[in-house]
Amino acid sequence: MVIQIDRSLDEPAYEQAARQIRDAIATGALKPHELLPGVRGLASDLGVNLNTIARAYRLLEEQGFVQIRDRSGV
């Protein structure tokens, strides 16, 4: 799964990340029980603050797309 942040969009980076993860789930590119990248690693790869990715993950959890397990991953 490849996530890209387009800074030219009006859509906030956390929403872009969450949307791309939702799309990966919907298309089957992301399988049930498959772990998402860690917050720090993904934030570093995308060049964004780790709070941006944490917010995207929390949004996805609120929407019922993922489950966050402390110290075990998303």
N, C-alpha and C. Protein backbone atom coordinates (compact mmCIF):
# COMPACT_ATOMS: atom_id res chain seq x y z
N MET A 1 0.85 -1.17 0.00
CA MET A 1 0.00 0.00 0.00
C MET A 1 0.89 1.24 0.00
N VAL A 2 0.63 2.13 -0.90
CA VAL A 2 1.41 3.36 -1.01
C VAL A 2 0.51 4.54 -0.66
N ILE A 3 0.96 5.33 0.27
CA ILE A 3 0.24 6.54 0.66
C ILE A 3 1.08 7.73 0.22
N GLN A 4 0.41 8.68 -0.41
CA GLN A 4 1.11 9.89 -0.86
C GLN A 4 0.32 11.10 -0.39
N ILE A 5 1.03 12.12 0.05
CA ILE A 5 0.42 13.36 0.47
C ILE A 5 0.69 14.42 -0.60
N ASP A 6 -0.39 15.01 -1.09
CA ASP A 6 -0.28 16.06 -2.11
C ASP A 6 -0.53 17.40 -1.42
N ARG A 7 0.52 18.14 -1.21
CA ARG A 7 0.42 19.41 -0.49
C ARG A 7 -0.30 20.50 -1.27
N SER A 8 -0.53 20.27 -2.56
CA SER A 8 -1.24 21.28 -3.35
C SER A 8 -2.76 21.19 -3.19
N LEU A 9 -3.24 20.13 -2.56
CA LEU A 9 -4.68 19.97 -2.34
C LEU A 9 -5.15 20.77 -1.13
N ASP A 10 -6.41 21.16 -1.14
CA ASP A 10 -7.00 21.83 0.02
C ASP A 10 -7.30 20.83 1.14
N GLU A 11 -7.38 19.55 0.81
CA GLU A 11 -7.67 18.50 1.77
C GLU A 11 -6.49 18.35 2.74
N PRO A 12 -6.75 18.38 4.04
CA PRO A 12 -5.64 18.22 5.01
C PRO A 12 -4.92 16.88 4.84
N ALA A 13 -3.66 16.86 5.23
CA ALA A 13 -2.83 15.67 5.06
C ALA A 13 -3.41 14.46 5.79
N TYR A 14 -3.96 14.66 7.00
CA TYR A 14 -4.51 13.52 7.74
C TYR A 14 -5.72 12.93 7.01
N GLU A 15 -6.52 13.78 6.37
CA GLU A 15 -7.67 13.29 5.62
C GLU A 15 -7.23 12.57 4.35
N GLN A 16 -6.17 13.06 3.72
CA GLN A 16 -5.63 12.37 2.54
C GLN A 16 -5.16 10.97 2.91
N ALA A 17 -4.44 10.86 4.02
CA ALA A 17 -3.94 9.56 4.46
C ALA A 17 -5.11 8.64 4.80
N ALA A 18 -6.07 9.14 5.55
CA ALA A 18 -7.23 8.33 5.94
C ALA A 18 -8.01 7.87 4.71
N ARG A 19 -8.21 8.76 3.75
CA ARG A 19 -8.94 8.42 2.52
C ARG A 19 -8.22 7.31 1.76
N GLN A 20 -6.92 7.42 1.64
CA GLN A 20 -6.17 6.41 0.90
C GLN A 20 -6.20 5.05 1.61
N ILE A 21 -6.19 5.07 2.92
CA ILE A 21 -6.29 3.81 3.66
C ILE A 21 -7.69 3.22 3.50
N ARG A 22 -8.73 4.06 3.58
CA ARG A 22 -10.11 3.58 3.35
C ARG A 22 -10.23 2.96 1.97
N ASP A 23 -9.65 3.62 0.97
CA ASP A 23 -9.69 3.09 -0.40
C ASP A 23 -8.98 1.73 -0.49
N ALA A 24 -7.85 1.60 0.21
CA ALA A 24 -7.11 0.33 0.20
C ALA A 24 -7.94 -0.78 0.85
N ILE A 25 -8.68 -0.44 1.88
CA ILE A 25 -9.56 -1.42 2.52
C ILE A 25 -10.68 -1.80 1.57
N ALA A 26 -11.29 -0.80 0.94
CA ALA A 26 -12.43 -1.04 0.04
C ALA A 26 -12.05 -1.88 -1.18
N THR A 27 -10.86 -1.69 -1.68
CA THR A 27 -10.44 -2.43 -2.88
C THR A 27 -9.82 -3.78 -2.56
N GLY A 28 -9.59 -4.04 -1.28
CA GLY A 28 -8.98 -5.30 -0.88
C GLY A 28 -7.46 -5.27 -0.89
N ALA A 29 -6.88 -4.11 -1.19
CA ALA A 29 -5.43 -3.99 -1.16
C ALA A 29 -4.91 -4.13 0.27
N LEU A 30 -5.74 -3.77 1.23
CA LEU A 30 -5.42 -3.93 2.64
C LEU A 30 -6.37 -4.97 3.20
N LYS A 31 -5.83 -6.08 3.61
CA LYS A 31 -6.62 -7.23 4.08
C LYS A 31 -6.98 -7.10 5.56
N PRO A 32 -8.07 -7.76 5.98
CA PRO A 32 -8.42 -7.75 7.40
C PRO A 32 -7.25 -8.27 8.25
N HIS A 33 -7.02 -7.65 9.37
CA HIS A 33 -5.98 -8.00 10.34
C HIS A 33 -4.57 -7.68 9.86
N GLU A 34 -4.43 -7.06 8.71
CA GLU A 34 -3.11 -6.63 8.23
C GLU A 34 -2.73 -5.36 8.98
N LEU A 35 -1.52 -5.32 9.51
CA LEU A 35 -1.08 -4.16 10.27
C LEU A 35 -0.73 -2.99 9.35
N LEU A 36 -1.10 -1.82 9.80
CA LEU A 36 -0.71 -0.59 9.10
C LEU A 36 0.69 -0.20 9.57
N PRO A 37 1.37 0.62 8.80
CA PRO A 37 2.70 1.07 9.23
C PRO A 37 2.60 1.83 10.55
N GLY A 38 3.66 1.81 11.33
CA GLY A 38 3.70 2.56 12.58
C GLY A 38 3.59 4.05 12.32
N VAL A 39 3.05 4.76 13.28
CA VAL A 39 2.84 6.21 13.15
C VAL A 39 4.14 6.93 12.85
N ARG A 40 5.17 6.67 13.62
CA ARG A 40 6.45 7.39 13.43
C ARG A 40 7.07 7.10 12.08
N GLY A 41 7.07 5.83 11.70
CA GLY A 41 7.68 5.44 10.43
C GLY A 41 6.96 6.03 9.24
N LEU A 42 5.62 5.94 9.26
CA LEU A 42 4.84 6.48 8.14
C LEU A 42 4.97 7.99 8.07
N ALA A 43 4.92 8.65 9.22
CA ALA A 43 5.06 10.10 9.23
C ALA A 43 6.42 10.51 8.66
N SER A 44 7.45 9.80 9.03
CA SER A 44 8.79 10.08 8.51
C SER A 44 8.84 9.86 7.00
N ASP A 45 8.28 8.75 6.54
CA ASP A 45 8.28 8.44 5.10
C ASP A 45 7.55 9.51 4.29
N LEU A 46 6.45 10.05 4.86
CA LEU A 46 5.63 11.03 4.15
C LEU A 46 6.10 12.47 4.38
N GLY A 47 7.00 12.67 5.33
CA GLY A 47 7.48 14.01 5.62
C GLY A 47 6.45 14.87 6.33
N VAL A 48 5.65 14.22 7.20
CA VAL A 48 4.64 14.95 7.97
C VAL A 48 4.88 14.71 9.45
N ASN A 49 4.23 15.50 10.28
CA ASN A 49 4.33 15.35 11.72
C ASN A 49 3.65 14.05 12.14
N LEU A 50 4.19 13.38 13.15
CA LEU A 50 3.59 12.11 13.57
C LEU A 50 2.15 12.29 14.06
N ASN A 51 1.81 13.48 14.56
CA ASN A 51 0.43 13.73 14.99
C ASN A 51 -0.54 13.70 13.81
N THR A 52 -0.06 14.00 12.62
CA THR A 52 -0.90 13.95 11.42
C THR A 52 -1.35 12.51 11.16
N ILE A 53 -0.43 11.58 11.24
CA ILE A 53 -0.76 10.18 11.00
C ILE A 53 -1.58 9.62 12.16
N ALA A 54 -1.24 10.00 13.38
CA ALA A 54 -2.01 9.56 14.54
C ALA A 54 -3.46 10.03 14.40
N ARG A 55 -3.66 11.25 13.92
CA ARG A 55 -5.01 11.78 13.72
C ARG A 55 -5.75 10.99 12.64
N ALA A 56 -5.05 10.65 11.57
CA ALA A 56 -5.66 9.85 10.50
C ALA A 56 -6.09 8.49 11.04
N TYR A 57 -5.25 7.86 11.82
CA TYR A 57 -5.57 6.55 12.40
C TYR A 57 -6.75 6.66 13.36
N ARG A 58 -6.78 7.71 14.18
CA ARG A 58 -7.91 7.89 15.11
C ARG A 58 -9.21 8.10 14.35
N LEU A 59 -9.14 8.88 13.26
CA LEU A 59 -10.32 9.11 12.43
C LEU A 59 -10.83 7.79 11.85
N LEU A 60 -9.93 6.99 11.34
CA LEU A 60 -10.31 5.68 10.78
C LEU A 60 -10.90 4.77 11.86
N GLU A 61 -10.38 4.85 13.07
CA GLU A 61 -10.94 4.04 14.15
C GLU A 61 -12.35 4.52 14.49
N GLU A 62 -12.54 5.83 14.57
CA GLU A 62 -13.87 6.39 14.85
C GLU A 62 -14.88 5.98 13.79
N GLN A 63 -14.42 5.85 12.55
CA GLN A 63 -15.30 5.48 11.44
C GLN A 63 -15.48 3.97 11.33
N GLY A 64 -14.77 3.22 12.16
CA GLY A 64 -14.93 1.77 12.18
C GLY A 64 -14.11 1.01 11.15
N PHE A 65 -13.12 1.65 10.56
CA PHE A 65 -12.30 1.00 9.54
C PHE A 65 -11.11 0.24 10.11
N VAL A 66 -10.59 0.70 11.23
CA VAL A 66 -9.43 0.05 11.86
C VAL A 66 -9.65 -0.04 13.36
N GLN A 67 -8.81 -0.82 13.98
CA GLN A 67 -8.82 -0.95 15.43
C GLN A 67 -7.41 -0.64 15.93
N ILE A 68 -7.31 0.30 16.85
CA ILE A 68 -6.02 0.67 17.41
C ILE A 68 -5.80 -0.14 18.68
N ARG A 69 -4.67 -0.82 18.72
CA ARG A 69 -4.30 -1.60 19.91
C ARG A 69 -2.99 -1.03 20.43
N ASP A 70 -3.05 -0.45 21.60
CA ASP A 70 -1.85 0.16 22.19
C ASP A 70 -0.68 -0.80 22.18
N ARG A 71 0.42 -0.32 21.65
CA ARG A 71 1.68 -1.04 21.59
C ARG A 71 1.66 -2.27 20.69
N SER A 72 0.52 -2.52 20.02
CA SER A 72 0.42 -3.67 19.11
C SER A 72 0.22 -3.24 17.67
N GLY A 73 -0.20 -2.00 17.46
CA GLY A 73 -0.37 -1.51 16.10
C GLY A 73 -1.82 -1.21 15.76
N VAL A 74 -1.99 -0.86 14.50
CA VAL A 74 -3.31 -0.49 13.97
C VAL A 74 -3.70 -1.51 12.92
